[in-house]
Amino acid sequence: MVRDTPPLLTWDQWDLVSQLHQQDNDGLDHQPFGVIGFKGDFLVDRYNRYECVNTGLTREKVLGRHVFTQVAQCMNNFMVAQKFEDAQAQQVALDDCLPYVLTWRMRPTSVKLRLLWDPQQLRGYILLNRSD
């Protein structure tokens, strides 16, 4: 039996958070950008191949860890982590894009981040685009 190729999502599509919810791990692995997904407790439960390749961190080292204190420490600040905390506290959706420089355990790397929080699902995503 041949499996269908998962649909490619686009960075700027308006319903991206709902599309990410529908993707299984294989679907996330086919996306052209990094995906870090986490629940309301900020513990990572989704981490795609793009991120594994670009960070050198395996899923085993990332899954179940706190996204801002154990995985992406360079994002534990007002520009990223605080936006998720505020959205969660206010029970509102978050969809924000920003240029960012990753600095933890690597040479400074310019990326674009898209921060997504779904208050109904109590789920967040950090998307990383390194191609621009």
Protein backbone atom coordinates (compact mmCIF):
# COMPACT_ATOMS: atom_id res chain seq x y z
CA MET A 1 0.00 0.00 0.00
CA VAL A 2 1.39 3.40 -1.01
CA ARG A 3 0.95 6.20 1.50
CA ASP A 4 -0.19 9.56 0.29
CA THR A 5 2.34 12.33 0.68
CA PRO A 6 1.23 14.65 3.48
CA PRO A 7 0.13 18.09 2.27
CA LEU A 8 2.72 20.82 2.42
CA LEU A 9 1.64 23.71 4.58
CA THR A 10 2.62 27.25 3.76
CA TRP A 11 4.28 29.56 6.24
CA ASP A 12 1.74 32.35 5.87
CA GLN A 13 -1.52 30.43 5.51
CA TRP A 14 -4.25 31.85 7.71
CA ASP A 15 -5.49 28.57 9.22
CA LEU A 16 -2.07 27.15 9.97
CA VAL A 17 -2.71 26.32 13.62
CA SER A 18 -5.72 24.15 12.76
CA GLN A 19 -3.77 22.49 9.95
CA LEU A 20 -0.91 21.69 12.34
CA HIS A 21 -3.37 20.08 14.76
CA GLN A 22 -4.43 17.71 11.98
CA GLN A 23 -0.91 16.62 11.00
CA ASP A 24 0.55 13.42 12.38
CA ASN A 25 4.30 13.18 12.97
CA ASP A 26 4.93 12.03 9.40
CA GLY A 27 3.00 15.06 8.14
CA LEU A 28 5.04 17.42 10.31
CA ASP A 29 8.26 15.82 9.08
CA HIS A 30 7.41 16.81 5.50
CA GLN A 31 6.96 20.51 6.26
CA PRO A 32 9.50 23.00 4.86
CA PHE A 33 9.98 24.74 8.24
CA GLY A 34 10.66 23.76 11.83
CA VAL A 35 7.79 22.82 14.12
CA ILE A 36 7.96 22.69 17.90
CA GLY A 37 4.58 21.84 19.44
CA PHE A 38 3.69 21.90 23.10
CA LYS A 39 0.74 21.60 25.43
CA GLY A 40 -0.52 24.08 28.00
CA ASP A 41 2.15 22.95 30.47
CA PHE A 42 4.79 24.02 27.88
CA LEU A 43 6.13 20.46 27.58
CA VAL A 44 7.17 19.63 24.02
CA ASP A 45 5.16 16.84 22.46
CA ARG A 46 5.80 17.53 18.76
CA TYR A 47 9.18 18.13 17.13
CA ASN A 48 9.68 17.66 13.42
CA ARG A 49 12.59 16.35 11.36
CA TYR A 50 13.46 19.85 10.08
CA GLU A 51 14.24 20.90 13.65
CA CYS A 52 16.14 17.70 14.42
CA VAL A 53 18.40 18.26 11.40
CA ASN A 54 18.95 21.98 12.03
CA THR A 55 19.54 21.79 15.79
CA GLY A 56 21.20 18.40 16.11
CA LEU A 57 18.73 17.55 18.87
CA THR A 58 16.90 14.26 18.59
CA ARG A 59 13.24 13.90 19.44
CA GLU A 60 14.23 11.75 22.40
CA LYS A 61 16.18 14.67 23.89
CA VAL A 62 13.35 17.15 23.31
CA LEU A 63 10.00 15.43 23.85
CA GLY A 64 8.63 15.86 27.35
CA ARG A 65 10.95 18.79 28.12
CA HIS A 66 9.89 22.35 28.89
CA VAL A 67 10.12 24.32 25.66
CA PHE A 68 11.57 27.52 27.17
CA THR A 69 13.73 26.26 30.04
CA GLN A 70 15.09 23.02 28.58
CA VAL A 71 14.80 23.13 24.78
CA ALA A 72 14.78 26.69 23.41
CA GLN A 73 16.37 28.66 26.24
CA CYS A 74 17.26 31.55 23.93
CA MET A 75 13.51 32.14 23.48
CA ASN A 76 12.81 32.39 27.21
CA ASN A 77 12.20 36.15 27.08
CA PHE A 78 9.54 38.81 26.55
CA MET A 79 9.64 38.46 22.76
CA VAL A 80 8.66 34.78 22.69
CA ALA A 81 7.89 32.98 25.97
CA GLN A 82 6.04 35.93 27.50
CA LYS A 83 3.72 36.15 24.48
CA PHE A 84 2.66 32.54 25.02
CA GLU A 85 2.24 33.05 28.77
CA ASP A 86 0.11 36.17 28.18
CA ALA A 87 -2.07 34.46 25.56
CA GLN A 88 -2.60 31.50 27.85
CA ALA A 89 -3.44 33.69 30.87
CA GLN A 90 -5.86 35.83 28.84
CA GLN A 91 -7.30 32.79 27.03
CA VAL A 92 -6.81 34.40 23.62
CA ALA A 93 -5.33 33.16 20.36
CA LEU A 94 -1.80 34.11 19.38
CA ASP A 95 -0.52 34.35 15.82
CA ASP A 96 2.58 36.50 15.59
CA CYS A 97 5.57 36.57 13.23
CA LEU A 98 8.91 38.11 14.05
CA PRO A 99 12.52 38.09 12.92
CA TYR A 100 14.74 36.45 15.51
CA VAL A 101 18.33 35.36 16.11
CA LEU A 102 18.90 31.94 17.66
CA THR A 103 21.93 31.91 19.93
CA TRP A 104 21.75 28.92 22.25
CA ARG A 105 24.46 26.26 21.62
CA MET A 106 25.06 27.50 18.10
CA ARG A 107 26.48 30.27 16.02
CA PRO A 108 23.94 33.13 15.88
CA THR A 109 21.38 32.14 13.25
CA SER A 110 18.80 34.51 11.79
CA VAL A 111 15.33 33.01 11.44
CA LYS A 112 11.71 34.02 11.18
CA LEU A 113 9.47 32.78 13.96
CA ARG A 114 5.75 32.29 13.84
CA LEU A 115 4.18 31.93 17.27
CA LEU A 116 0.82 30.19 17.43
CA TRP A 117 -1.37 29.55 20.46
CA ASP A 118 -4.81 27.96 20.33
CA PRO A 119 -6.70 28.65 23.59
CA GLN A 120 -9.39 26.09 22.76
CA GLN A 121 -6.87 23.27 22.36
CA LEU A 122 -4.43 24.63 24.99
CA ARG A 123 -1.69 24.05 22.44
CA GLY A 124 1.13 26.15 21.11
CA TYR A 125 3.55 25.97 18.22
CA ILE A 126 6.80 27.71 17.46
CA LEU A 127 7.54 27.59 13.75
CA LEU A 128 11.04 28.36 12.50
CA ASN A 129 11.86 29.44 8.97
CA ARG A 130 15.57 29.45 8.19
CA SER A 131 15.26 29.82 4.41
CA ASP A 132 14.84 33.61 4.13
